[in-house]
Amino acid sequence: MMIGKRTLSISGGRSTETVDIVVSSPEPDGERWVCSYSIGWPTGPQTRRVHGVDGIAAVNSALMMIGLDVNGSVYHQQGRLHWMEPFVGLGFPVPKAARDLLTGEDAELFG
């Protein structure tokens, strides 16, 4: 079951492509929990499973991994990946070691 979806945009010349990010509900996986997410990149979808000691930890880890994926993407590095205007940033946290990837309000909120 999906717990959330966010749509980002990639601007490029005269066209704009959308990138849907979907986070699934955490599920038990033995003694751990797992949370799956997918990112609908133009080059093909990326799906990952992230583990945590409980459901909340799994969701938190998934959000941070999404933050790494989108903020580390070539689209973000080129300044073409956007969430909502006039907000500058993508709205996902990243681990402390990757906070230099953040821009705009993301740097203020999560930096």
PDB file of N, CA and C in Angstrom:
ATOM      1  N   MET A   1       0.840  -1.166   0.000  1.00  0.00           N
ATOM      2  CA  MET A   1       0.000   0.000   0.000  1.00  0.00           C
ATOM      3  C   MET A   1       0.897   1.246   0.000  1.00  0.00           C
ATOM      4  N   MET A   2       0.501   2.233  -0.747  1.00  0.00           N
ATOM      5  CA  MET A   2       1.243   3.488  -0.843  1.00  0.00           C
ATOM      6  C   MET A   2       0.915   4.376   0.354  1.00  0.00           C
ATOM      7  N   ILE A   3       1.960   4.985   0.943  1.00  0.00           N
ATOM      8  CA  ILE A   3       1.716   5.953   2.020  1.00  0.00           C
ATOM      9  C   ILE A   3       1.935   7.384   1.558  1.00  0.00           C
ATOM     10  N   GLY A   4       2.579   7.552   0.419  1.00  0.00           N
ATOM     11  CA  GLY A   4       2.774   8.903  -0.066  1.00  0.00           C
ATOM     12  C   GLY A   4       3.352   8.945  -1.465  1.00  0.00           C
ATOM     13  N   LYS A   5       3.086  10.065  -2.142  1.00  0.00           N
ATOM     14  CA  LYS A   5       3.585  10.272  -3.500  1.00  0.00           C
ATOM     15  C   LYS A   5       3.947  11.747  -3.648  1.00  0.00           C
ATOM     16  N   ARG A   6       5.055  12.002  -4.305  1.00  0.00           N
ATOM     17  CA  ARG A   6       5.456  13.362  -4.634  1.00  0.00           C
ATOM     18  C   ARG A   6       5.857  13.373  -6.102  1.00  0.00           C
ATOM     19  N   THR A   7       5.487  14.434  -6.801  1.00  0.00           N
ATOM     20  CA  THR A   7       5.858  14.575  -8.196  1.00  0.00           C
ATOM     21  C   THR A   7       6.830  15.739  -8.334  1.00  0.00           C
ATOM     22  N   LEU A   8       8.010  15.430  -8.879  1.00  0.00           N
ATOM     23  CA  LEU A   8       9.013  16.439  -9.190  1.00  0.00           C
ATOM     24  C   LEU A   8       8.967  16.703 -10.685  1.00  0.00           C
ATOM     25  N   SER A   9       9.581  17.786 -11.122  1.00  0.00           N
ATOM     26  CA  SER A   9       9.631  18.135 -12.539  1.00  0.00           C
ATOM     27  C   SER A   9      11.063  18.310 -12.983  1.00  0.00           C
ATOM     28  N   ILE A  10      11.339  17.850 -14.196  1.00  0.00           N
ATOM     29  CA  ILE A  10      12.633  18.083 -14.826  1.00  0.00           C
ATOM     30  C   ILE A  10      12.391  19.035 -15.978  1.00  0.00           C
ATOM     31  N   SER A  11      12.990  20.227 -15.870  1.00  0.00           N
ATOM     32  CA  SER A  11      12.834  21.202 -16.944  1.00  0.00           C
ATOM     33  C   SER A  11      13.946  20.996 -17.958  1.00  0.00           C
ATOM     34  N   GLY A  12      13.598  21.223 -19.203  1.00  0.00           N
ATOM     35  CA  GLY A  12      14.590  21.080 -20.254  1.00  0.00           C
ATOM     36  C   GLY A  12      14.109  21.711 -21.530  1.00  0.00           C
ATOM     37  N   GLY A  13      14.621  22.869 -21.828  1.00  0.00           N
ATOM     38  CA  GLY A  13      14.207  23.541 -23.054  1.00  0.00           C
ATOM     39  C   GLY A  13      12.740  23.887 -23.018  1.00  0.00           C
ATOM     40  N   ARG A  14      12.010  23.402 -24.007  1.00  0.00           N
ATOM     41  CA  ARG A  14      10.582  23.695 -24.115  1.00  0.00           C
ATOM     42  C   ARG A  14       9.704  22.673 -23.415  1.00  0.00           C
ATOM     43  N   SER A  15      10.289  21.563 -22.972  1.00  0.00           N
ATOM     44  CA  SER A  15       9.477  20.511 -22.371  1.00  0.00           C
ATOM     45  C   SER A  15       9.800  20.339 -20.894  1.00  0.00           C
ATOM     46  N   THR A  16       8.850  19.744 -20.190  1.00  0.00           N
ATOM     47  CA  THR A  16       9.024  19.399 -18.785  1.00  0.00           C
ATOM     48  C   THR A  16       8.589  17.961 -18.610  1.00  0.00           C
ATOM     49  N   GLU A  17       9.430  17.170 -17.944  1.00  0.00           N
ATOM     50  CA  GLU A  17       9.092  15.782 -17.647  1.00  0.00           C
ATOM     51  C   GLU A  17       8.782  15.658 -16.166  1.00  0.00           C
ATOM     52  N   THR A  18       7.881  14.764 -15.810  1.00  0.00           N
ATOM     53  CA  THR A  18       7.553  14.556 -14.412  1.00  0.00           C
ATOM     54  C   THR A  18       8.274  13.316 -13.887  1.00  0.00           C
ATOM     55  N   VAL A  19       8.582  13.368 -12.613  1.00  0.00           N
ATOM     56  CA  VAL A  19       9.225  12.258 -11.911  1.00  0.00           C
ATOM     57  C   VAL A  19       8.382  11.962 -10.684  1.00  0.00           C
ATOM     58  N   ASP A  20       7.662  10.845 -10.710  1.00  0.00           N
ATOM     59  CA  ASP A  20       6.832  10.458  -9.570  1.00  0.00           C
ATOM     60  C   ASP A  20       7.655   9.639  -8.588  1.00  0.00           C
ATOM     61  N   ILE A  21       7.555  10.016  -7.315  1.00  0.00           N
ATOM     62  CA  ILE A  21       8.212   9.284  -6.240  1.00  0.00           C
ATOM     63  C   ILE A  21       7.111   8.701  -5.371  1.00  0.00           C
ATOM     64  N   VAL A  22       7.138   7.385  -5.186  1.00  0.00           N
ATOM     65  CA  VAL A  22       6.111   6.696  -4.419  1.00  0.00           C
ATOM     66  C   VAL A  22       6.769   5.948  -3.268  1.00  0.00           C
ATOM     67  N   VAL A  23       6.252   6.160  -2.050  1.00  0.00           N
ATOM     68  CA  VAL A  23       6.741   5.471  -0.858  1.00  0.00           C
ATOM     69  C   VAL A  23       5.655   4.503  -0.403  1.00  0.00           C
ATOM     70  N   SER A  24       6.035   3.261  -0.195  1.00  0.00           N
ATOM     71  CA  SER A  24       5.091   2.224   0.236  1.00  0.00           C
ATOM     72  C   SER A  24       5.091   2.082   1.755  1.00  0.00           C
ATOM     73  N   SER A  25       4.040   1.494   2.273  1.00  0.00           N
ATOM     74  CA  SER A  25       3.940   1.241   3.712  1.00  0.00           C
ATOM     75  C   SER A  25       5.036   0.284   4.154  1.00  0.00           C
ATOM     76  N   PRO A  26       5.586   0.504   5.345  1.00  0.00           N
ATOM     77  CA  PRO A  26       6.586  -0.430   5.851  1.00  0.00           C
ATOM     78  C   PRO A  26       5.934  -1.779   6.186  1.00  0.00           C
ATOM     79  N   GLU A  27       6.727  -2.828   6.034  1.00  0.00           N
ATOM     80  CA  GLU A  27       6.244  -4.181   6.310  1.00  0.00           C
ATOM     81  C   GLU A  27       7.278  -4.924   7.134  1.00  0.00           C
ATOM     82  N   PRO A  28       6.814  -5.844   8.002  1.00  0.00           N
ATOM     83  CA  PRO A  28       7.783  -6.641   8.749  1.00  0.00           C
ATOM     84  C   PRO A  28       8.591  -7.527   7.798  1.00  0.00           C
ATOM     85  N   ASP A  29       9.867  -7.705   8.119  1.00  0.00           N
ATOM     86  CA  ASP A  29      10.765  -8.543   7.322  1.00  0.00           C
ATOM     87  C   ASP A  29      11.683  -9.282   8.300  1.00  0.00           C
ATOM     88  N   GLY A  30      11.166 -10.360   8.853  1.00  0.00           N
ATOM     89  CA  GLY A  30      11.898 -11.063   9.897  1.00  0.00           C
ATOM     90  C   GLY A  30      11.924 -10.214  11.157  1.00  0.00           C
ATOM     91  N   GLU A  31      13.113  -9.969  11.680  1.00  0.00           N
ATOM     92  CA  GLU A  31      13.250  -9.148  12.884  1.00  0.00           C
ATOM     93  C   GLU A  31      13.351  -7.662  12.553  1.00  0.00           C
ATOM     94  N   ARG A  32      13.375  -7.315  11.280  1.00  0.00           N
ATOM     95  CA  ARG A  32      13.465  -5.919  10.843  1.00  0.00           C
ATOM     96  C   ARG A  32      12.188  -5.526  10.114  1.00  0.00           C
ATOM     97  N   TRP A  33      12.152  -4.294   9.667  1.00  0.00           N
ATOM     98  CA  TRP A  33      11.077  -3.792   8.825  1.00  0.00           C
ATOM     99  C   TRP A  33      11.685  -3.293   7.531  1.00  0.00           C
ATOM    100  N   VAL A  34      10.879  -3.298   6.474  1.00  0.00           N
ATOM    101  CA  VAL A  34      11.346  -2.829   5.176  1.00  0.00           C
ATOM    102  C   VAL A  34      10.342  -1.826   4.617  1.00  0.00           C
ATOM    103  N   CYS A  35      10.867  -0.790   3.963  1.00  0.00           N
ATOM    104  CA  CYS A  35      10.035   0.207   3.298  1.00  0.00           C
ATOM    105  C   CYS A  35      10.542   0.330   1.870  1.00  0.00           C
ATOM    106  N   SER A  36       9.664   0.143   0.906  1.00  0.00           N
ATOM    107  CA  SER A  36      10.031   0.242  -0.507  1.00  0.00           C
ATOM    108  C   SER A  36       9.645   1.610  -1.049  1.00  0.00           C
ATOM    109  N   TYR A  37      10.416   2.052  -2.024  1.00  0.00           N
ATOM    110  CA  TYR A  37      10.066   3.281  -2.725  1.00  0.00           C
ATOM    111  C   TYR A  37      10.490   3.156  -4.180  1.00  0.00           C
ATOM    112  N   SER A  38       9.871   3.973  -5.012  1.00  0.00           N
ATOM    113  CA  SER A  38      10.250   4.000  -6.423  1.00  0.00           C
ATOM    114  C   SER A  38      10.331   5.449  -6.890  1.00  0.00           C
ATOM    115  N   ILE A  39      11.259   5.655  -7.819  1.00  0.00           N
ATOM    116  CA  ILE A  39      11.425   6.964  -8.449  1.00  0.00           C
ATOM    117  C   ILE A  39      11.288   6.743  -9.947  1.00  0.00           C
ATOM    118  N   GLY A  40      10.353   7.425 -10.574  1.00  0.00           N
ATOM    119  CA  GLY A  40      10.077   7.248 -12.000  1.00  0.00           C
ATOM    120  C   GLY A  40      10.942   8.145 -12.866  1.00  0.00           C
ATOM    121  N   TRP A  41      12.246   7.869 -12.894  1.00  0.00           N
ATOM    122  CA  TRP A  41      13.159   8.655 -13.716  1.00  0.00           C
ATOM    123  C   TRP A  41      12.841   8.499 -15.206  1.00  0.00           C
ATOM    124  N   PRO A  42      13.144   9.501 -16.025  1.00  0.00           N
ATOM    125  CA  PRO A  42      12.919   9.383 -17.477  1.00  0.00           C
ATOM    126  C   PRO A  42      13.717   8.233 -18.101  1.00  0.00           C
ATOM    127  N   THR A  43      14.841   7.896 -17.494  1.00  0.00           N
ATOM    128  CA  THR A  43      15.678   6.805 -18.015  1.00  0.00           C
ATOM    129  C   THR A  43      15.184   5.434 -17.583  1.00  0.00           C
ATOM    130  N   GLY A  44      14.171   5.393 -16.747  1.00  0.00           N
ATOM    131  CA  GLY A  44      13.602   4.133 -16.257  1.00  0.00           C
ATOM    132  C   GLY A  44      13.408   4.193 -14.756  1.00  0.00           C
ATOM    133  N   PRO A  45      12.407   3.465 -14.265  1.00  0.00           N
ATOM    134  CA  PRO A  45      12.105   3.513 -12.837  1.00  0.00           C
ATOM    135  C   PRO A  45      13.213   2.878 -11.997  1.00  0.00           C
ATOM    136  N   GLN A  46      13.391   3.439 -10.816  1.00  0.00           N
ATOM    137  CA  GLN A  46      14.342   2.918  -9.833  1.00  0.00           C
ATOM    138  C   GLN A  46      13.528   2.518  -8.610  1.00  0.00           C
ATOM    139  N   THR A  47      13.664   1.282  -8.162  1.00  0.00           N
ATOM    140  CA  THR A  47      12.952   0.808  -6.982  1.00  0.00           C
ATOM    141  C   THR A  47      13.966   0.289  -5.976  1.00  0.00           C
ATOM    142  N   ARG A  48      13.763   0.648  -4.720  1.00  0.00           N
ATOM    143  CA  ARG A  48      14.664   0.203  -3.649  1.00  0.00           C
ATOM    144  C   ARG A  48      13.854  -0.222  -2.437  1.00  0.00           C
ATOM    145  N   ARG A  49      14.493  -1.070  -1.628  1.00  0.00           N
ATOM    146  CA  ARG A  49      13.933  -1.508  -0.352  1.00  0.00           C
ATOM    147  C   ARG A  49      14.924  -1.112   0.737  1.00  0.00           C
ATOM    148  N   VAL A  50      14.429  -0.417   1.755  1.00  0.00           N
ATOM    149  CA  VAL A  50      15.273   0.079   2.828  1.00  0.00           C
ATOM    150  C   VAL A  50      14.794  -0.518   4.145  1.00  0.00           C
ATOM    151  N   HIS A  51      15.737  -0.957   4.972  1.00  0.00           N
ATOM    152  CA  HIS A  51      15.390  -1.616   6.233  1.00  0.00           C
ATOM    153  C   HIS A  51      15.547  -0.683   7.428  1.00  0.00           C
ATOM    154  N   GLY A  52      14.831  -1.015   8.495  1.00  0.00           N
ATOM    155  CA  GLY A  52      14.932  -0.311   9.768  1.00  0.00           C
ATOM    156  C   GLY A  52      14.557  -1.246  10.894  1.00  0.00           C
ATOM    157  N   VAL A  53      14.839  -0.844  12.125  1.00  0.00           N
ATOM    158  CA  VAL A  53      14.533  -1.693  13.278  1.00  0.00           C
ATOM    159  C   VAL A  53      13.033  -1.761  13.550  1.00  0.00           C
ATOM    160  N   ASP A  54      12.298  -0.749  13.091  1.00  0.00           N
ATOM    161  CA  ASP A  54      10.837  -0.772  13.163  1.00  0.00           C
ATOM    162  C   ASP A  54      10.299  -0.014  11.947  1.00  0.00           C
ATOM    163  N   GLY A  55       8.982   0.080  11.850  1.00  0.00           N
ATOM    164  CA  GLY A  55       8.385   0.719  10.683  1.00  0.00           C
ATOM    165  C   GLY A  55       8.758   2.176  10.522  1.00  0.00           C
ATOM    166  N   ILE A  56       8.817   2.918  11.619  1.00  0.00           N
ATOM    167  CA  ILE A  56       9.170   4.335  11.560  1.00  0.00           C
ATOM    168  C   ILE A  56      10.607   4.501  11.077  1.00  0.00           C
ATOM    169  N   ALA A  57      11.515   3.688  11.597  1.00  0.00           N
ATOM    170  CA  ALA A  57      12.918   3.766  11.170  1.00  0.00           C
ATOM    171  C   ALA A  57      13.057   3.421   9.692  1.00  0.00           C
ATOM    172  N   ALA A  58      12.278   2.449   9.212  1.00  0.00           N
ATOM    173  CA  ALA A  58      12.336   2.074   7.796  1.00  0.00           C
ATOM    174  C   ALA A  58      11.848   3.220   6.904  1.00  0.00           C
ATOM    175  N   VAL A  59      10.764   3.875   7.296  1.00  0.00           N
ATOM    176  CA  VAL A  59      10.252   5.013   6.522  1.00  0.00           C
ATOM    177  C   VAL A  59      11.259   6.155   6.547  1.00  0.00           C
ATOM    178  N   ASN A  60      11.813   6.452   7.701  1.00  0.00           N
ATOM    179  CA  ASN A  60      12.809   7.522   7.811  1.00  0.00           C
ATOM    180  C   ASN A  60      14.015   7.228   6.919  1.00  0.00           C
ATOM    181  N   SER A  61      14.486   6.002   6.936  1.00  0.00           N
ATOM    182  CA  SER A  61      15.621   5.624   6.082  1.00  0.00           C
ATOM    183  C   SER A  61      15.272   5.741   4.607  1.00  0.00           C
ATOM    184  N   ALA A  62      14.042   5.360   4.257  1.00  0.00           N
ATOM    185  CA  ALA A  62      13.609   5.465   2.859  1.00  0.00           C
ATOM    186  C   ALA A  62      13.600   6.929   2.413  1.00  0.00           C
ATOM    187  N   LEU A  63      13.082   7.833   3.255  1.00  0.00           N
ATOM    188  CA  LEU A  63      13.049   9.250   2.903  1.00  0.00           C
ATOM    189  C   LEU A  63      14.462   9.811   2.726  1.00  0.00           C
ATOM    190  N   MET A  64      15.388   9.375   3.566  1.00  0.00           N
ATOM    191  CA  MET A  64      16.773   9.835   3.426  1.00  0.00           C
ATOM    192  C   MET A  64      17.422   9.270   2.169  1.00  0.00           C
ATOM    193  N   MET A  65      17.125   8.030   1.830  1.00  0.00           N
ATOM    194  CA  MET A  65      17.672   7.451   0.599  1.00  0.00           C
ATOM    195  C   MET A  65      17.103   8.157  -0.627  1.00  0.00           C
ATOM    196  N   ILE A  66      15.824   8.484  -0.581  1.00  0.00           N
ATOM    197  CA  ILE A  66      15.228   9.256  -1.672  1.00  0.00           C
ATOM    198  C   ILE A  66      15.947  10.596  -1.775  1.00  0.00           C
ATOM    199  N   GLY A  67      16.185  11.238  -0.630  1.00  0.00           N
ATOM    200  CA  GLY A  67      16.910  12.502  -0.619  1.00  0.00           C
ATOM    201  C   GLY A  67      18.272  12.391  -1.280  1.00  0.00           C
ATOM    202  N   LEU A  68      18.982  11.303  -0.992  1.00  0.00           N
ATOM    203  CA  LEU A  68      20.282  11.077  -1.637  1.00  0.00           C
ATOM    204  C   LEU A  68      20.127  10.869  -3.133  1.00  0.00           C
ATOM    205  N   ASP A  69      19.140  10.066  -3.513  1.00  0.00           N
ATOM    206  CA  ASP A  69      18.934   9.764  -4.935  1.00  0.00           C
ATOM    207  C   ASP A  69      18.593  11.014  -5.745  1.00  0.00           C
ATOM    208  N   VAL A  70      17.646  11.811  -5.253  1.00  0.00           N
ATOM    209  CA  VAL A  70      17.212  12.964  -6.048  1.00  0.00           C
ATOM    210  C   VAL A  70      18.205  14.120  -5.978  1.00  0.00           C
ATOM    211  N   ASN A  71      18.775  14.377  -4.796  1.00  0.00           N
ATOM    212  CA  ASN A  71      19.732  15.476  -4.674  1.00  0.00           C
ATOM    213  C   ASN A  71      21.076  15.144  -5.303  1.00  0.00           C
ATOM    214  N   GLY A  72      21.375  13.868  -5.436  1.00  0.00           N
ATOM    215  CA  GLY A  72      22.615  13.449  -6.080  1.00  0.00           C
ATOM    216  C   GLY A  72      22.469  13.185  -7.565  1.00  0.00           C
ATOM    217  N   SER A  73      21.266  13.359  -8.091  1.00  0.00           N
ATOM    218  CA  SER A  73      21.014  13.057  -9.499  1.00  0.00           C
ATOM    219  C   SER A  73      21.638  14.096 -10.422  1.00  0.00           C
ATOM    220  N   VAL A  74      21.892  13.690 -11.639  1.00  0.00           N
ATOM    221  CA  VAL A  74      22.434  14.602 -12.642  1.00  0.00           C
ATOM    222  C   VAL A  74      21.444  15.739 -12.913  1.00  0.00           C
ATOM    223  N   TYR A  75      20.147  15.454 -12.809  1.00  0.00           N
ATOM    224  CA  TYR A  75      19.128  16.482 -13.045  1.00  0.00           C
ATOM    225  C   TYR A  75      19.227  17.595 -11.993  1.00  0.00           C
ATOM    226  N   HIS A  76      19.448  17.211 -10.738  1.00  0.00           N
ATOM    227  CA  HIS A  76      19.599  18.202  -9.675  1.00  0.00           C
ATOM    228  C   HIS A  76      20.909  18.967  -9.846  1.00  0.00           C
ATOM    229  N   GLN A  77      21.978  18.256 -10.174  1.00  0.00           N
ATOM    230  CA  GLN A  77      23.279  18.894 -10.369  1.00  0.00           C
ATOM    231  C   GLN A  77      23.229  19.917 -11.503  1.00  0.00           C
ATOM    232  N   GLN A  78      22.393  19.665 -12.504  1.00  0.00           N
ATOM    233  CA  GLN A  78      22.231  20.594 -13.625  1.00  0.00           C
ATOM    234  C   GLN A  78      21.243  21.720 -13.313  1.00  0.00           C
ATOM    235  N   GLY A  79      20.602  21.669 -12.138  1.00  0.00           N
ATOM    236  CA  GLY A  79      19.624  22.685 -11.765  1.00  0.00           C
ATOM    237  C   GLY A  79      18.299  22.540 -12.484  1.00  0.00           C
ATOM    238  N   ARG A  80      17.993  21.338 -12.987  1.00  0.00           N
ATOM    239  CA  ARG A  80      16.774  21.117 -13.770  1.00  0.00           C
ATOM    240  C   ARG A  80      15.670  20.407 -13.004  1.00  0.00           C
ATOM    241  N   LEU A  81      15.957  19.883 -11.799  1.00  0.00           N
ATOM    242  CA  LEU A  81      14.981  19.122 -11.028  1.00  0.00           C
ATOM    243  C   LEU A  81      14.333  20.043 -10.000  1.00  0.00           C
ATOM    244  N   HIS A  82      12.998  20.092 -10.007  1.00  0.00           N
ATOM    245  CA  HIS A  82      12.260  21.020  -9.150  1.00  0.00           C
ATOM    246  C   HIS A  82      11.068  20.316  -8.513  1.00  0.00           C
ATOM    247  N   TRP A  83      10.643  20.877  -7.365  1.00  0.00           N
ATOM    248  CA  TRP A  83       9.446  20.362  -6.706  1.00  0.00           C
ATOM    249  C   TRP A  83       8.296  21.331  -6.933  1.00  0.00           C
ATOM    250  N   MET A  84       8.235  22.391  -6.178  1.00  0.00           N
ATOM    251  CA  MET A  84       7.147  23.354  -6.348  1.00  0.00           C
ATOM    252  C   MET A  84       7.720  24.751  -6.236  1.00  0.00           C
ATOM    253  N   GLU A  85       7.220  25.609  -7.076  1.00  0.00           N
ATOM    254  CA  GLU A  85       7.683  26.994  -7.074  1.00  0.00           C
ATOM    255  C   GLU A  85       6.869  27.781  -6.065  1.00  0.00           C
ATOM    256  N   PRO A  86       7.383  28.706  -5.340  1.00  0.00           N
ATOM    257  CA  PRO A  86       8.739  29.232  -5.414  1.00  0.00           C
ATOM    258  C   PRO A  86       9.711  28.500  -4.486  1.00  0.00           C
ATOM    259  N   PHE A  87       9.308  27.372  -3.888  1.00  0.00           N
ATOM    260  CA  PHE A  87      10.190  26.608  -2.996  1.00  0.00           C
ATOM    261  C   PHE A  87      11.425  26.154  -3.766  1.00  0.00           C
ATOM    262  N   VAL A  88      12.583  26.394  -3.205  1.00  0.00           N
ATOM    263  CA  VAL A  88      13.831  25.958  -3.823  1.00  0.00           C
ATOM    264  C   VAL A  88      14.340  24.768  -3.022  1.00  0.00           C
ATOM    265  N   GLY A  89      14.296  23.609  -3.629  1.00  0.00           N
ATOM    266  CA  GLY A  89      14.681  22.365  -2.983  1.00  0.00           C
ATOM    267  C   GLY A  89      13.718  21.279  -3.391  1.00  0.00           C
ATOM    268  N   LEU A  90      13.957  20.085  -2.894  1.00  0.00           N
ATOM    269  CA  LEU A  90      13.139  18.940  -3.287  1.00  0.00           C
ATOM    270  C   LEU A  90      12.323  18.373  -2.132  1.00  0.00           C
ATOM    271  N   GLY A  91      12.554  18.867  -0.910  1.00  0.00           N
ATOM    272  CA  GLY A  91      11.727  18.497   0.233  1.00  0.00           C
ATOM    273  C   GLY A  91      12.038  17.158   0.860  1.00  0.00           C
ATOM    274  N   PHE A  92      13.216  16.612   0.625  1.00  0.00           N
ATOM    275  CA  PHE A  92      13.610  15.346   1.241  1.00  0.00           C
ATOM    276  C   PHE A  92      14.864  15.549   2.087  1.00  0.00           C
ATOM    277  N   PRO A  93      14.894  14.945   3.284  1.00  0.00           N
ATOM    278  CA  PRO A  93      16.095  15.035   4.108  1.00  0.00           C
ATOM    279  C   PRO A  93      17.202  14.158   3.544  1.00  0.00           C
ATOM    280  N   VAL A  94      18.416  14.417   3.961  1.00  0.00           N
ATOM    281  CA  VAL A  94      19.566  13.582   3.603  1.00  0.00           C
ATOM    282  C   VAL A  94      20.379  13.333   4.870  1.00  0.00           C
ATOM    283  N   PRO A  95      21.194  12.283   4.883  1.00  0.00           N
ATOM    284  CA  PRO A  95      22.078  12.071   6.033  1.00  0.00           C
ATOM    285  C   PRO A  95      23.044  13.254   6.193  1.00  0.00           C
ATOM    286  N   LYS A  96      23.540  13.447   7.392  1.00  0.00           N
ATOM    287  CA  LYS A  96      24.416  14.574   7.704  1.00  0.00           C
ATOM    288  C   LYS A  96      25.591  14.701   6.739  1.00  0.00           C
ATOM    289  N   ALA A  97      26.195  13.593   6.365  1.00  0.00           N
ATOM    290  CA  ALA A  97      27.377  13.619   5.501  1.00  0.00           C
ATOM    291  C   ALA A  97      27.077  14.117   4.084  1.00  0.00           C
ATOM    292  N   ALA A  98      25.793  14.188   3.710  1.00  0.00           N
ATOM    293  CA  ALA A  98      25.433  14.596   2.345  1.00  0.00           C
ATOM    294  C   ALA A  98      24.727  15.945   2.299  1.00  0.00           C
ATOM    295  N   ARG A  99      24.763  16.689   3.365  1.00  0.00           N
ATOM    296  CA  ARG A  99      24.014  17.949   3.405  1.00  0.00           C
ATOM    297  C   ARG A  99      24.542  19.003   2.451  1.00  0.00           C
ATOM    298  N   ASP A 100      25.742  18.822   1.940  1.00  0.00           N
ATOM    299  CA  ASP A 100      26.273  19.759   0.951  1.00  0.00           C
ATOM    300  C   ASP A 100      25.544  19.666  -0.382  1.00  0.00           C
ATOM    301  N   LEU A 101      24.740  18.612  -0.581  1.00  0.00           N
ATOM    302  CA  LEU A 101      23.951  18.453  -1.807  1.00  0.00           C
ATOM    303  C   LEU A 101      22.706  19.338  -1.808  1.00  0.00           C
ATOM    304  N   LEU A 102      22.288  19.792  -0.638  1.00  0.00           N
ATOM    305  CA  LEU A 102      21.032  20.518  -0.503  1.00  0.00           C
ATOM    306  C   LEU A 102      21.143  21.955  -1.006  1.00  0.00           C
ATOM    307  N   THR A 103      20.012  22.446  -1.533  1.00  0.00           N
ATOM    308  CA  THR A 103      19.942  23.824  -2.011  1.00  0.00           C
ATOM    309  C   THR A 103      18.728  24.522  -1.403  1.00  0.00           C
ATOM    310  N   GLY A 104      18.749  25.830  -1.451  1.00  0.00           N
ATOM    311  CA  GLY A 104      17.587  26.633  -1.060  1.00  0.00           C
ATOM    312  C   GLY A 104      17.040  26.318   0.310  1.00  0.00           C
ATOM    313  N   GLU A 105      15.724  26.221   0.394  1.00  0.00           N
ATOM    314  CA  GLU A 105      15.060  25.949   1.651  1.00  0.00           C
ATOM    315  C   GLU A 105      15.444  24.600   2.233  1.00  0.00           C
ATOM    316  N   ASP A 106      15.767  23.611   1.392  1.00  0.00           N
ATOM    317  CA  ASP A 106      16.215  22.314   1.906  1.00  0.00           C
ATOM    318  C   ASP A 106      17.463  22.493   2.779  1.00  0.00           C
ATOM    319  N   ALA A 107      18.394  23.327   2.335  1.00  0.00           N
ATOM    320  CA  ALA A 107      19.614  23.567   3.103  1.00  0.00           C
ATOM    321  C   ALA A 107      19.288  24.204   4.452  1.00  0.00           C
ATOM    322  N   GLU A 108      18.280  25.081   4.469  1.00  0.00           N
ATOM    323  CA  GLU A 108      17.874  25.703   5.722  1.00  0.00           C
ATOM    324  C   GLU A 108      17.130  24.737   6.632  1.00  0.00           C
ATOM    325  N   LEU A 109      16.219  23.946   6.065  1.00  0.00           N
ATOM    326  CA  LEU A 109      15.405  23.031   6.851  1.00  0.00           C
ATOM    327  C   LEU A 109      16.178  21.800   7.326  1.00  0.00           C
ATOM    328  N   PHE A 110      16.971  21.224   6.441  1.00  0.00           N
ATOM    329  CA  PHE A 110      17.616  19.947   6.751  1.00  0.00           C
ATOM    330  C   PHE A 110      19.121  20.057   6.966  1.00  0.00           C
ATOM    331  N   GLY A 111      19.687  21.246   6.755  1.00  0.00           N
ATOM    332  CA  GLY A 111      21.126  21.433   6.855  1.00  0.00           C
ATOM    333  C   GLY A 111      21.560  21.627   8.240  1.00  0.00           C
TER     334      GLY A 111
END
